Amino acid sequence: MAVKTTLTTSRVSPWLSPLLYSLGRYVILPLYFDQIQVTDWQNLPMSGPLLIAPTHRSRWDAFMVPYVAGRDITGQDLRFMVSMDEMQGFQGWFVRRFGGFPVDTKRPTIGCLRHGVELLQAGENLVIFPEGNIFRQTQVQPLKPGLARLAIQAESDKPSLDLKIVPISIHYGQPVPRWRCHVNIRIGPPLRAADYCVGSPKQEAQRLTADLERSLKSLSSCVHAPTSSVHPGTQN
Protein backbone atom coordinates (compact mmCIF):
# COMPACT_ATOMS: atom_id res chain seq x y z
CA MET A 1 0.00 0.00 0.00
CA ALA A 2 1.38 3.42 -0.94
CA VAL A 3 2.07 5.88 1.84
CA LYS A 4 -0.17 8.90 1.61
CA THR A 5 1.68 12.22 1.74
CA THR A 6 -0.20 15.19 3.16
CA LEU A 7 0.15 18.21 0.90
CA THR A 8 1.59 21.28 2.62
CA THR A 9 1.06 24.74 1.16
CA SER A 10 1.63 28.34 2.20
CA ARG A 11 0.84 31.75 0.88
CA VAL A 12 1.51 35.42 1.55
CA SER A 13 -1.50 37.74 1.62
CA PRO A 14 -0.84 40.50 -0.93
CA TRP A 15 -2.58 43.09 1.25
CA LEU A 16 -2.17 41.88 4.85
CA SER A 17 1.54 41.08 4.72
CA PRO A 18 2.70 44.58 3.61
CA LEU A 19 0.36 46.09 6.19
CA LEU A 20 1.80 43.95 9.00
CA TYR A 21 5.37 44.69 7.94
CA SER A 22 4.70 48.44 8.10
CA LEU A 23 2.74 48.29 11.36
CA GLY A 24 5.41 46.12 12.96
CA ARG A 25 8.39 48.25 11.93
CA TYR A 26 6.96 51.73 12.40
CA VAL A 27 4.25 51.37 15.05
CA ILE A 28 4.12 48.18 17.14
CA LEU A 29 7.82 47.54 17.78
CA PRO A 30 8.85 51.19 18.45
CA LEU A 31 5.91 51.63 20.84
CA TYR A 32 6.43 48.41 22.78
CA PHE A 33 10.23 48.17 22.97
CA ASP A 34 12.67 50.73 24.30
CA GLN A 35 15.37 50.08 21.68
CA ILE A 36 16.12 47.47 19.02
CA GLN A 37 19.77 47.19 18.10
CA VAL A 38 20.78 45.18 15.04
CA THR A 39 24.47 44.33 14.72
CA ASP A 40 26.31 43.20 11.57
CA TRP A 41 23.46 43.85 9.15
CA GLN A 42 26.06 43.59 6.37
CA ASN A 43 26.12 39.81 6.92
CA LEU A 44 22.60 39.51 5.51
CA PRO A 45 22.70 38.69 1.77
CA MET A 46 20.46 40.96 -0.26
CA SER A 47 19.55 38.24 -2.76
CA GLY A 48 18.09 34.82 -2.16
CA PRO A 49 17.40 32.13 -1.62
CA LEU A 50 18.06 32.39 2.10
CA LEU A 51 17.37 29.97 4.90
CA ILE A 52 17.16 32.21 7.96
CA ALA A 53 17.95 30.46 11.26
CA PRO A 54 17.11 32.58 14.33
CA THR A 55 17.12 31.67 18.00
CA HIS A 56 13.59 31.48 19.40
CA ARG A 57 12.90 33.28 22.67
CA SER A 58 9.43 34.81 22.27
CA ARG A 59 6.41 35.07 20.03
CA TRP A 60 7.73 38.55 19.32
CA ASP A 61 10.31 36.82 17.10
CA ALA A 62 7.65 36.70 14.38
CA PHE A 63 7.99 40.51 14.22
CA MET A 64 11.74 40.69 14.87
CA VAL A 65 12.79 38.46 11.97
CA PRO A 66 10.85 40.53 9.37
CA TYR A 67 12.28 43.66 11.01
CA VAL A 68 15.74 42.30 10.18
CA ALA A 69 15.13 40.47 6.91
CA GLY A 70 11.65 41.26 5.61
CA ARG A 71 10.47 42.61 2.28
CA ASP A 72 11.54 46.19 2.96
CA ILE A 73 15.10 44.94 3.59
CA THR A 74 15.70 42.14 1.05
CA GLY A 75 12.86 42.81 -1.39
CA GLN A 76 11.28 39.44 -0.66
CA ASP A 77 8.50 38.24 1.63
CA LEU A 78 9.45 35.66 4.22
CA ARG A 79 8.05 32.17 4.55
CA PHE A 80 7.95 30.61 8.01
CA MET A 81 8.11 26.97 9.07
CA VAL A 82 6.37 27.24 12.45
CA SER A 83 5.67 24.70 15.21
CA MET A 84 2.07 23.48 15.21
CA ASP A 85 1.24 24.98 18.63
CA GLU A 86 2.05 28.46 17.28
CA MET A 87 -0.44 28.01 14.45
CA GLN A 88 -3.53 27.90 16.64
CA GLY A 89 -6.34 30.42 17.02
CA PHE A 90 -6.11 34.09 16.11
CA GLN A 91 -2.30 34.02 15.94
CA GLY A 92 -2.43 31.09 13.55
CA TRP A 93 -4.83 32.98 11.28
CA PHE A 94 -2.28 35.78 10.93
CA VAL A 95 0.74 33.49 10.61
CA ARG A 96 -0.86 31.58 7.73
CA ARG A 97 -1.41 34.81 5.81
CA PHE A 98 2.08 35.94 6.67
CA GLY A 99 3.69 33.05 4.78
CA GLY A 100 3.68 30.52 7.62
CA PHE A 101 3.00 26.78 7.51
CA PRO A 102 2.99 24.28 10.39
CA VAL A 103 5.54 21.59 11.23
CA ASP A 104 5.43 18.89 13.89
CA THR A 105 8.87 19.50 15.42
CA LYS A 106 8.98 15.96 16.81
CA ARG A 107 7.80 14.23 13.62
CA PRO A 108 8.08 16.45 10.56
CA THR A 109 6.01 15.14 7.67
CA ILE A 110 7.44 14.48 4.22
CA GLY A 111 4.98 16.99 2.77
CA CYS A 112 6.18 19.75 5.10
CA LEU A 113 9.86 19.17 4.34
CA ARG A 114 9.14 18.90 0.62
CA HIS A 115 7.31 22.23 0.68
CA GLY A 116 10.29 23.85 2.39
CA VAL A 117 12.63 22.50 -0.29
CA GLU A 118 10.31 23.71 -3.07
CA LEU A 119 10.16 27.21 -1.60
CA LEU A 120 13.95 27.48 -1.44
CA GLN A 121 14.40 26.10 -4.93
CA ALA A 122 11.91 28.71 -6.16
CA GLY A 123 14.17 31.43 -4.73
CA GLU A 124 12.10 32.19 -1.63
CA ASN A 125 13.49 33.20 1.78
CA LEU A 126 12.48 30.65 4.42
CA VAL A 127 12.64 31.09 8.20
CA ILE A 128 13.18 28.00 10.36
CA PHE A 129 13.78 28.24 14.11
CA PRO A 130 16.42 25.50 14.47
CA GLU A 131 15.91 25.02 18.23
CA GLY A 132 12.37 23.89 17.42
CA ASN A 133 10.38 25.78 20.06
CA ILE A 134 10.48 28.86 22.27
CA PHE A 135 13.09 28.72 25.05
CA ARG A 136 13.38 31.40 27.74
CA GLN A 137 17.00 30.54 28.53
CA THR A 138 19.65 32.74 26.97
CA GLN A 139 21.78 29.69 26.11
CA VAL A 140 21.35 28.20 22.65
CA GLN A 141 19.57 24.86 22.87
CA PRO A 142 20.57 21.75 20.85
CA LEU A 143 19.45 22.25 17.27
CA LYS A 144 17.01 20.01 15.47
CA PRO A 145 18.51 18.19 12.46
CA GLY A 146 15.69 19.06 10.04
CA LEU A 147 17.03 22.44 8.93
CA ALA A 148 20.37 21.01 7.78
CA ARG A 149 18.75 18.09 5.97
CA LEU A 150 16.36 20.40 4.19
CA ALA A 151 19.14 22.79 3.15
CA ILE A 152 21.35 20.01 1.82
CA GLN A 153 18.49 18.38 -0.07
CA ALA A 154 17.50 21.69 -1.68
CA GLU A 155 21.09 22.39 -2.78
CA SER A 156 21.84 18.81 -3.88
CA ASP A 157 18.73 18.60 -6.05
CA LYS A 158 19.54 21.97 -7.65
CA PRO A 159 23.34 22.51 -7.55
CA SER A 160 23.13 26.02 -8.99
CA LEU A 161 20.88 27.18 -6.14
CA ASP A 162 23.64 28.77 -4.02
CA LEU A 163 21.53 28.56 -0.87
CA LYS A 164 22.82 30.46 2.14
CA ILE A 165 21.95 29.79 5.78
CA VAL A 166 21.91 32.95 7.93
CA PRO A 167 22.27 32.55 11.74
CA ILE A 168 20.54 35.24 13.80
CA SER A 169 20.64 35.66 17.57
CA ILE A 170 17.68 37.46 19.18
CA HIS A 171 18.18 38.58 22.78
CA TYR A 172 15.55 40.35 24.88
CA GLY A 173 16.39 42.37 27.99
CA GLN A 174 14.01 40.15 29.99
CA PRO A 175 13.27 36.39 29.76
CA VAL A 176 9.63 37.31 29.01
CA PRO A 177 9.75 40.55 26.98
CA ARG A 178 7.79 43.28 28.70
CA TRP A 179 6.89 46.89 28.01
CA ARG A 180 9.90 49.03 27.06
CA CYS A 181 12.54 46.31 27.38
CA HIS A 182 15.43 46.39 24.92
CA VAL A 183 16.30 43.93 22.16
CA ASN A 184 19.68 42.99 20.74
CA ILE A 185 19.81 41.18 17.40
CA ARG A 186 23.05 39.88 15.90
CA ILE A 187 23.42 38.54 12.35
CA GLY A 188 26.20 36.05 11.71
CA PRO A 189 28.12 35.34 8.51
CA PRO A 190 26.05 33.06 6.23
CA LEU A 191 26.90 29.40 5.73
CA ARG A 192 26.81 28.06 2.16
CA ALA A 193 24.77 24.88 1.74
CA ALA A 194 27.01 23.86 -1.17
CA ASP A 195 29.92 23.48 1.24
CA TYR A 196 28.02 20.63 2.92
CA CYS A 197 27.19 18.65 -0.20
CA VAL A 198 30.54 16.91 -0.56
CA GLY A 199 30.06 13.78 1.56
CA SER A 200 27.31 11.52 2.82
CA PRO A 201 24.09 13.52 3.41
CA LYS A 202 23.76 12.26 6.99
CA GLN A 203 27.30 13.21 8.01
CA GLU A 204 27.16 16.52 6.18
CA ALA A 205 23.85 17.38 7.87
CA GLN A 206 25.47 16.69 11.24
CA ARG A 207 28.41 18.92 10.31
CA LEU A 208 26.13 21.75 9.14
CA THR A 209 24.04 21.48 12.32
CA ALA A 210 27.18 21.64 14.47
CA ASP A 211 28.56 24.64 12.58
CA LEU A 212 25.23 26.48 12.78
CA GLU A 213 24.94 25.77 16.51
CA ARG A 214 28.49 26.99 17.04
CA SER A 215 27.71 30.19 15.15
CA LEU A 216 24.53 30.87 17.13
CA LYS A 217 26.36 30.29 20.42
CA SER A 218 29.08 32.70 19.37
CA LEU A 219 26.52 35.36 18.44
CA SER A 220 24.58 34.85 21.67
CA SER A 221 27.73 35.22 23.79
CA CYS A 222 28.42 38.68 22.32
CA VAL A 223 25.36 40.50 23.62
CA HIS A 224 25.92 44.19 24.36
CA ALA A 225 23.68 46.90 25.71
CA PRO A 226 21.62 48.40 22.87
CA THR A 227 22.45 51.81 21.42
CA SER A 228 20.45 52.17 18.21
CA SER A 229 18.88 50.33 15.32
CA VAL A 230 20.34 51.15 11.91
CA HIS A 231 18.43 50.28 8.77
CA PRO A 232 20.86 48.86 6.16
CA GLY A 233 19.70 51.45 3.67
CA THR A 234 21.02 54.20 5.95
CA GLN A 235 24.44 52.70 6.65
CA ASN A 236 27.49 54.49 5.31
C-alpha atoms as a PDB file:
ATOM      1  CA  MET A   1       0.000   0.000   0.000  1.00  0.00           C
ATOM      2  CA  ALA A   2       1.384   3.415  -0.943  1.00  0.00           C
ATOM      3  CA  VAL A   3       2.074   5.880   1.843  1.00  0.00           C
ATOM      4  CA  LYS A   4      -0.172   8.904   1.607  1.00  0.00           C
ATOM      5  CA  THR A   5       1.685  12.217   1.742  1.00  0.00           C
ATOM      6  CA  THR A   6      -0.197  15.194   3.160  1.00  0.00           C
ATOM      7  CA  LEU A   7       0.150  18.210   0.898  1.00  0.00           C
ATOM      8  CA  THR A   8       1.587  21.280   2.618  1.00  0.00           C
ATOM      9  CA  THR A   9       1.057  24.744   1.164  1.00  0.00           C
ATOM     10  CA  SER A  10       1.634  28.336   2.198  1.00  0.00           C
ATOM     11  CA  ARG A  11       0.838  31.754   0.878  1.00  0.00           C
ATOM     12  CA  VAL A  12       1.506  35.422   1.552  1.00  0.00           C
ATOM     13  CA  SER A  13      -1.496  37.737   1.622  1.00  0.00           C
ATOM     14  CA  PRO A  14      -0.843  40.500  -0.931  1.00  0.00           C
ATOM     15  CA  TRP A  15      -2.580  43.089   1.251  1.00  0.00           C
ATOM     16  CA  LEU A  16      -2.170  41.883   4.847  1.00  0.00           C
ATOM     17  CA  SER A  17       1.544  41.083   4.718  1.00  0.00           C
ATOM     18  CA  PRO A  18       2.702  44.581   3.609  1.00  0.00           C
ATOM     19  CA  LEU A  19       0.356  46.094   6.192  1.00  0.00           C
ATOM     20  CA  LEU A  20       1.801  43.954   9.002  1.00  0.00           C
ATOM     21  CA  TYR A  21       5.368  44.687   7.937  1.00  0.00           C
ATOM     22  CA  SER A  22       4.699  48.436   8.102  1.00  0.00           C
ATOM     23  CA  LEU A  23       2.737  48.287  11.362  1.00  0.00           C
ATOM     24  CA  GLY A  24       5.410  46.121  12.958  1.00  0.00           C
ATOM     25  CA  ARG A  25       8.392  48.247  11.928  1.00  0.00           C
ATOM     26  CA  TYR A  26       6.965  51.727  12.404  1.00  0.00           C
ATOM     27  CA  VAL A  27       4.254  51.368  15.050  1.00  0.00           C
ATOM     28  CA  ILE A  28       4.117  48.182  17.143  1.00  0.00           C
ATOM     29  CA  LEU A  29       7.823  47.540  17.778  1.00  0.00           C
ATOM     30  CA  PRO A  30       8.848  51.188  18.452  1.00  0.00           C
ATOM     31  CA  LEU A  31       5.914  51.627  20.843  1.00  0.00           C
ATOM     32  CA  TYR A  32       6.429  48.405  22.783  1.00  0.00           C
ATOM     33  CA  PHE A  33      10.230  48.172  22.973  1.00  0.00           C
ATOM     34  CA  ASP A  34      12.674  50.730  24.304  1.00  0.00           C
ATOM     35  CA  GLN A  35      15.368  50.078  21.681  1.00  0.00           C
ATOM     36  CA  ILE A  36      16.124  47.472  19.025  1.00  0.00           C
ATOM     37  CA  GLN A  37      19.775  47.190  18.097  1.00  0.00           C
ATOM     38  CA  VAL A  38      20.784  45.185  15.037  1.00  0.00           C
ATOM     39  CA  THR A  39      24.467  44.327  14.721  1.00  0.00           C
ATOM     40  CA  ASP A  40      26.307  43.204  11.568  1.00  0.00           C
ATOM     41  CA  TRP A  41      23.463  43.846   9.148  1.00  0.00           C
ATOM     42  CA  GLN A  42      26.062  43.592   6.375  1.00  0.00           C
ATOM     43  CA  ASN A  43      26.122  39.806   6.919  1.00  0.00           C
ATOM     44  CA  LEU A  44      22.598  39.508   5.506  1.00  0.00           C
ATOM     45  CA  PRO A  45      22.703  38.692   1.766  1.00  0.00           C
ATOM     46  CA  MET A  46      20.455  40.961  -0.263  1.00  0.00           C
ATOM     47  CA  SER A  47      19.550  38.237  -2.756  1.00  0.00           C
ATOM     48  CA  GLY A  48      18.088  34.817  -2.156  1.00  0.00           C
ATOM     49  CA  PRO A  49      17.404  32.134  -1.624  1.00  0.00           C
ATOM     50  CA  LEU A  50      18.057  32.390   2.095  1.00  0.00           C
ATOM     51  CA  LEU A  51      17.365  29.970   4.899  1.00  0.00           C
ATOM     52  CA  ILE A  52      17.159  32.205   7.957  1.00  0.00           C
ATOM     53  CA  ALA A  53      17.950  30.456  11.256  1.00  0.00           C
ATOM     54  CA  PRO A  54      17.109  32.579  14.334  1.00  0.00           C
ATOM     55  CA  THR A  55      17.124  31.672  17.995  1.00  0.00           C
ATOM     56  CA  HIS A  56      13.591  31.476  19.401  1.00  0.00           C
ATOM     57  CA  ARG A  57      12.902  33.285  22.666  1.00  0.00           C
ATOM     58  CA  SER A  58       9.435  34.805  22.274  1.00  0.00           C
ATOM     59  CA  ARG A  59       6.407  35.067  20.033  1.00  0.00           C
ATOM     60  CA  TRP A  60       7.734  38.551  19.317  1.00  0.00           C
ATOM     61  CA  ASP A  61      10.310  36.821  17.102  1.00  0.00           C
ATOM     62  CA  ALA A  62       7.648  36.702  14.376  1.00  0.00           C
ATOM     63  CA  PHE A  63       7.988  40.513  14.223  1.00  0.00           C
ATOM     64  CA  MET A  64      11.737  40.685  14.869  1.00  0.00           C
ATOM     65  CA  VAL A  65      12.785  38.464  11.968  1.00  0.00           C
ATOM     66  CA  PRO A  66      10.849  40.528   9.371  1.00  0.00           C
ATOM     67  CA  TYR A  67      12.281  43.665  11.009  1.00  0.00           C
ATOM     68  CA  VAL A  68      15.742  42.299  10.184  1.00  0.00           C
ATOM     69  CA  ALA A  69      15.128  40.466   6.908  1.00  0.00           C
ATOM     70  CA  GLY A  70      11.645  41.256   5.613  1.00  0.00           C
ATOM     71  CA  ARG A  71      10.468  42.608   2.278  1.00  0.00           C
ATOM     72  CA  ASP A  72      11.541  46.189   2.956  1.00  0.00           C
ATOM     73  CA  ILE A  73      15.103  44.938   3.587  1.00  0.00           C
ATOM     74  CA  THR A  74      15.704  42.136   1.047  1.00  0.00           C
ATOM     75  CA  GLY A  75      12.862  42.805  -1.390  1.00  0.00           C
ATOM     76  CA  GLN A  76      11.278  39.436  -0.660  1.00  0.00           C
ATOM     77  CA  ASP A  77       8.502  38.244   1.627  1.00  0.00           C
ATOM     78  CA  LEU A  78       9.455  35.657   4.222  1.00  0.00           C
ATOM     79  CA  ARG A  79       8.053  32.170   4.545  1.00  0.00           C
ATOM     80  CA  PHE A  80       7.949  30.611   8.008  1.00  0.00           C
ATOM     81  CA  MET A  81       8.108  26.966   9.070  1.00  0.00           C
ATOM     82  CA  VAL A  82       6.374  27.236  12.449  1.00  0.00           C
ATOM     83  CA  SER A  83       5.669  24.704  15.205  1.00  0.00           C
ATOM     84  CA  MET A  84       2.068  23.484  15.214  1.00  0.00           C
ATOM     85  CA  ASP A  85       1.235  24.976  18.631  1.00  0.00           C
ATOM     86  CA  GLU A  86       2.048  28.455  17.277  1.00  0.00           C
ATOM     87  CA  MET A  87      -0.442  28.010  14.446  1.00  0.00           C
ATOM     88  CA  GLN A  88      -3.532  27.897  16.640  1.00  0.00           C
ATOM     89  CA  GLY A  89      -6.340  30.421  17.019  1.00  0.00           C
ATOM     90  CA  PHE A  90      -6.106  34.090  16.114  1.00  0.00           C
ATOM     91  CA  GLN A  91      -2.303  34.023  15.944  1.00  0.00           C
ATOM     92  CA  GLY A  92      -2.427  31.086  13.545  1.00  0.00           C
ATOM     93  CA  TRP A  93      -4.825  32.980  11.280  1.00  0.00           C
ATOM     94  CA  PHE A  94      -2.283  35.779  10.925  1.00  0.00           C
ATOM     95  CA  VAL A  95       0.743  33.487  10.606  1.00  0.00           C
ATOM     96  CA  ARG A  96      -0.863  31.575   7.726  1.00  0.00           C
ATOM     97  CA  ARG A  97      -1.412  34.814   5.812  1.00  0.00           C
ATOM     98  CA  PHE A  98       2.078  35.937   6.671  1.00  0.00           C
ATOM     99  CA  GLY A  99       3.694  33.050   4.779  1.00  0.00           C
ATOM    100  CA  GLY A 100       3.680  30.517   7.623  1.00  0.00           C
ATOM    101  CA  PHE A 101       3.002  26.782   7.514  1.00  0.00           C
ATOM    102  CA  PRO A 102       2.994  24.276  10.393  1.00  0.00           C
ATOM    103  CA  VAL A 103       5.535  21.585  11.226  1.00  0.00           C
ATOM    104  CA  ASP A 104       5.434  18.890  13.886  1.00  0.00           C
ATOM    105  CA  THR A 105       8.866  19.498  15.418  1.00  0.00           C
ATOM    106  CA  LYS A 106       8.976  15.956  16.805  1.00  0.00           C
ATOM    107  CA  ARG A 107       7.801  14.226  13.625  1.00  0.00           C
ATOM    108  CA  PRO A 108       8.081  16.455  10.556  1.00  0.00           C
ATOM    109  CA  THR A 109       6.014  15.137   7.665  1.00  0.00           C
ATOM    110  CA  ILE A 110       7.443  14.475   4.215  1.00  0.00           C
ATOM    111  CA  GLY A 111       4.980  16.985   2.774  1.00  0.00           C
ATOM    112  CA  CYS A 112       6.176  19.751   5.103  1.00  0.00           C
ATOM    113  CA  LEU A 113       9.856  19.168   4.341  1.00  0.00           C
ATOM    114  CA  ARG A 114       9.137  18.901   0.620  1.00  0.00           C
ATOM    115  CA  HIS A 115       7.311  22.232   0.682  1.00  0.00           C
ATOM    116  CA  GLY A 116      10.295  23.848   2.387  1.00  0.00           C
ATOM    117  CA  VAL A 117      12.629  22.499  -0.295  1.00  0.00           C
ATOM    118  CA  GLU A 118      10.308  23.708  -3.067  1.00  0.00           C
ATOM    119  CA  LEU A 119      10.162  27.213  -1.599  1.00  0.00           C
ATOM    120  CA  LEU A 120      13.949  27.484  -1.442  1.00  0.00           C
ATOM    121  CA  GLN A 121      14.399  26.102  -4.934  1.00  0.00           C
ATOM    122  CA  ALA A 122      11.908  28.713  -6.160  1.00  0.00           C
ATOM    123  CA  GLY A 123      14.175  31.428  -4.732  1.00  0.00           C
ATOM    124  CA  GLU A 124      12.100  32.188  -1.635  1.00  0.00           C
ATOM    125  CA  ASN A 125      13.489  33.195   1.778  1.00  0.00           C
ATOM    126  CA  LEU A 126      12.484  30.655   4.415  1.00  0.00           C
ATOM    127  CA  VAL A 127      12.642  31.086   8.203  1.00  0.00           C
ATOM    128  CA  ILE A 128      13.182  27.996  10.359  1.00  0.00           C
ATOM    129  CA  PHE A 129      13.781  28.238  14.110  1.00  0.00           C
ATOM    130  CA  PRO A 130      16.417  25.495  14.474  1.00  0.00           C
ATOM    131  CA  GLU A 131      15.905  25.024  18.227  1.00  0.00           C
ATOM    132  CA  GLY A 132      12.366  23.890  17.425  1.00  0.00           C
ATOM    133  CA  ASN A 133      10.379  25.775  20.057  1.00  0.00           C
ATOM    134  CA  ILE A 134      10.481  28.859  22.269  1.00  0.00           C
ATOM    135  CA  PHE A 135      13.092  28.723  25.052  1.00  0.00           C
ATOM    136  CA  ARG A 136      13.376  31.399  27.740  1.00  0.00           C
ATOM    137  CA  GLN A 137      16.998  30.539  28.533  1.00  0.00           C
ATOM    138  CA  THR A 138      19.646  32.737  26.969  1.00  0.00           C
ATOM    139  CA  GLN A 139      21.775  29.691  26.114  1.00  0.00           C
ATOM    140  CA  VAL A 140      21.354  28.200  22.647  1.00  0.00           C
ATOM    141  CA  GLN A 141      19.569  24.858  22.868  1.00  0.00           C
ATOM    142  CA  PRO A 142      20.571  21.747  20.854  1.00  0.00           C
ATOM    143  CA  LEU A 143      19.452  22.255  17.274  1.00  0.00           C
ATOM    144  CA  LYS A 144      17.007  20.005  15.474  1.00  0.00           C
ATOM    145  CA  PRO A 145      18.509  18.186  12.459  1.00  0.00           C
ATOM    146  CA  GLY A 146      15.689  19.061  10.043  1.00  0.00           C
ATOM    147  CA  LEU A 147      17.033  22.437   8.931  1.00  0.00           C
ATOM    148  CA  ALA A 148      20.368  21.009   7.784  1.00  0.00           C
ATOM    149  CA  ARG A 149      18.753  18.087   5.975  1.00  0.00           C
ATOM    150  CA  LEU A 150      16.360  20.399   4.188  1.00  0.00           C
ATOM    151  CA  ALA A 151      19.140  22.787   3.149  1.00  0.00           C
ATOM    152  CA  ILE A 152      21.354  20.007   1.816  1.00  0.00           C
ATOM    153  CA  GLN A 153      18.494  18.382  -0.074  1.00  0.00           C
ATOM    154  CA  ALA A 154      17.504  21.692  -1.681  1.00  0.00           C
ATOM    155  CA  GLU A 155      21.093  22.390  -2.778  1.00  0.00           C
ATOM    156  CA  SER A 156      21.838  18.814  -3.878  1.00  0.00           C
ATOM    157  CA  ASP A 157      18.733  18.601  -6.053  1.00  0.00           C
ATOM    158  CA  LYS A 158      19.541  21.973  -7.648  1.00  0.00           C
ATOM    159  CA  PRO A 159      23.342  22.508  -7.554  1.00  0.00           C
ATOM    160  CA  SER A 160      23.127  26.023  -8.994  1.00  0.00           C
ATOM    161  CA  LEU A 161      20.875  27.175  -6.140  1.00  0.00           C
ATOM    162  CA  ASP A 162      23.643  28.773  -4.025  1.00  0.00           C
ATOM    163  CA  LEU A 163      21.526  28.557  -0.874  1.00  0.00           C
ATOM    164  CA  LYS A 164      22.825  30.463   2.140  1.00  0.00           C
ATOM    165  CA  ILE A 165      21.954  29.789   5.784  1.00  0.00           C
ATOM    166  CA  VAL A 166      21.907  32.953   7.925  1.00  0.00           C
ATOM    167  CA  PRO A 167      22.269  32.549  11.736  1.00  0.00           C
ATOM    168  CA  ILE A 168      20.537  35.237  13.802  1.00  0.00           C
ATOM    169  CA  SER A 169      20.640  35.657  17.574  1.00  0.00           C
ATOM    170  CA  ILE A 170      17.681  37.457  19.176  1.00  0.00           C
ATOM    171  CA  HIS A 171      18.180  38.577  22.775  1.00  0.00           C
ATOM    172  CA  TYR A 172      15.546  40.353  24.883  1.00  0.00           C
ATOM    173  CA  GLY A 173      16.394  42.369  27.992  1.00  0.00           C
ATOM    174  CA  GLN A 174      14.012  40.152  29.987  1.00  0.00           C
ATOM    175  CA  PRO A 175      13.265  36.391  29.764  1.00  0.00           C
ATOM    176  CA  VAL A 176       9.635  37.308  29.007  1.00  0.00           C
ATOM    177  CA  PRO A 177       9.749  40.549  26.982  1.00  0.00           C
ATOM    178  CA  ARG A 178       7.786  43.277  28.702  1.00  0.00           C
ATOM    179  CA  TRP A 179       6.887  46.889  28.011  1.00  0.00           C
ATOM    180  CA  ARG A 180       9.904  49.032  27.063  1.00  0.00           C
ATOM    181  CA  CYS A 181      12.535  46.306  27.383  1.00  0.00           C
ATOM    182  CA  HIS A 182      15.427  46.388  24.921  1.00  0.00           C
ATOM    183  CA  VAL A 183      16.299  43.934  22.157  1.00  0.00           C
ATOM    184  CA  ASN A 184      19.679  42.995  20.739  1.00  0.00           C
ATOM    185  CA  ILE A 185      19.814  41.180  17.402  1.00  0.00           C
ATOM    186  CA  ARG A 186      23.053  39.883  15.902  1.00  0.00           C
ATOM    187  CA  ILE A 187      23.421  38.544  12.348  1.00  0.00           C
ATOM    188  CA  GLY A 188      26.198  36.049  11.710  1.00  0.00           C
ATOM    189  CA  PRO A 189      28.120  35.337   8.507  1.00  0.00           C
ATOM    190  CA  PRO A 190      26.053  33.059   6.233  1.00  0.00           C
ATOM    191  CA  LEU A 191      26.904  29.399   5.727  1.00  0.00           C
ATOM    192  CA  ARG A 192      26.812  28.059   2.158  1.00  0.00           C
ATOM    193  CA  ALA A 193      24.766  24.884   1.742  1.00  0.00           C
ATOM    194  CA  ALA A 194      27.006  23.857  -1.175  1.00  0.00           C
ATOM    195  CA  ASP A 195      29.920  23.481   1.242  1.00  0.00           C
ATOM    196  CA  TYR A 196      28.019  20.634   2.921  1.00  0.00           C
ATOM    197  CA  CYS A 197      27.190  18.652  -0.202  1.00  0.00           C
ATOM    198  CA  VAL A 198      30.541  16.910  -0.558  1.00  0.00           C
ATOM    199  CA  GLY A 199      30.062  13.776   1.563  1.00  0.00           C
ATOM    200  CA  SER A 200      27.306  11.515   2.816  1.00  0.00           C
ATOM    201  CA  PRO A 201      24.092  13.517   3.409  1.00  0.00           C
ATOM    202  CA  LYS A 202      23.763  12.261   6.994  1.00  0.00           C
ATOM    203  CA  GLN A 203      27.299  13.210   8.007  1.00  0.00           C
ATOM    204  CA  GLU A 204      27.162  16.523   6.185  1.00  0.00           C
ATOM    205  CA  ALA A 205      23.850  17.384   7.874  1.00  0.00           C
ATOM    206  CA  GLN A 206      25.466  16.690  11.244  1.00  0.00           C
ATOM    207  CA  ARG A 207      28.406  18.920  10.308  1.00  0.00           C
ATOM    208  CA  LEU A 208      26.133  21.753   9.145  1.00  0.00           C
ATOM    209  CA  THR A 209      24.039  21.477  12.320  1.00  0.00           C
ATOM    210  CA  ALA A 210      27.176  21.636  14.466  1.00  0.00           C
ATOM    211  CA  ASP A 211      28.557  24.637  12.576  1.00  0.00           C
ATOM    212  CA  LEU A 212      25.233  26.484  12.783  1.00  0.00           C
ATOM    213  CA  GLU A 213      24.936  25.772  16.509  1.00  0.00           C
ATOM    214  CA  ARG A 214      28.494  26.995  17.044  1.00  0.00           C
ATOM    215  CA  SER A 215      27.712  30.194  15.153  1.00  0.00           C
ATOM    216  CA  LEU A 216      24.529  30.874  17.133  1.00  0.00           C
ATOM    217  CA  LYS A 217      26.361  30.288  20.418  1.00  0.00           C
ATOM    218  CA  SER A 218      29.085  32.704  19.372  1.00  0.00           C
ATOM    219  CA  LEU A 219      26.520  35.362  18.444  1.00  0.00           C
ATOM    220  CA  SER A 220      24.579  34.850  21.671  1.00  0.00           C
ATOM    221  CA  SER A 221      27.726  35.222  23.787  1.00  0.00           C
ATOM    222  CA  CYS A 222      28.422  38.683  22.323  1.00  0.00           C
ATOM    223  CA  VAL A 223      25.364  40.503  23.623  1.00  0.00           C
ATOM    224  CA  HIS A 224      25.922  44.189  24.356  1.00  0.00           C
ATOM    225  CA  ALA A 225      23.685  46.904  25.707  1.00  0.00           C
ATOM    226  CA  PRO A 226      21.623  48.404  22.868  1.00  0.00           C
ATOM    227  CA  THR A 227      22.448  51.810  21.418  1.00  0.00           C
ATOM    228  CA  SER A 228      20.452  52.171  18.212  1.00  0.00           C
ATOM    229  CA  SER A 229      18.878  50.326  15.320  1.00  0.00           C
ATOM    230  CA  VAL A 230      20.342  51.154  11.910  1.00  0.00           C
ATOM    231  CA  HIS A 231      18.426  50.281   8.769  1.00  0.00           C
ATOM    232  CA  PRO A 232      20.858  48.858   6.158  1.00  0.00           C
ATOM    233  CA  GLY A 233      19.698  51.445   3.670  1.00  0.00           C
ATOM    234  CA  THR A 234      21.021  54.202   5.948  1.00  0.00           C
ATOM    235  CA  GLN A 235      24.437  52.698   6.651  1.00  0.00           C
ATOM    236  CA  ASN A 236      27.489  54.491   5.312  1.00  0.00           C
END
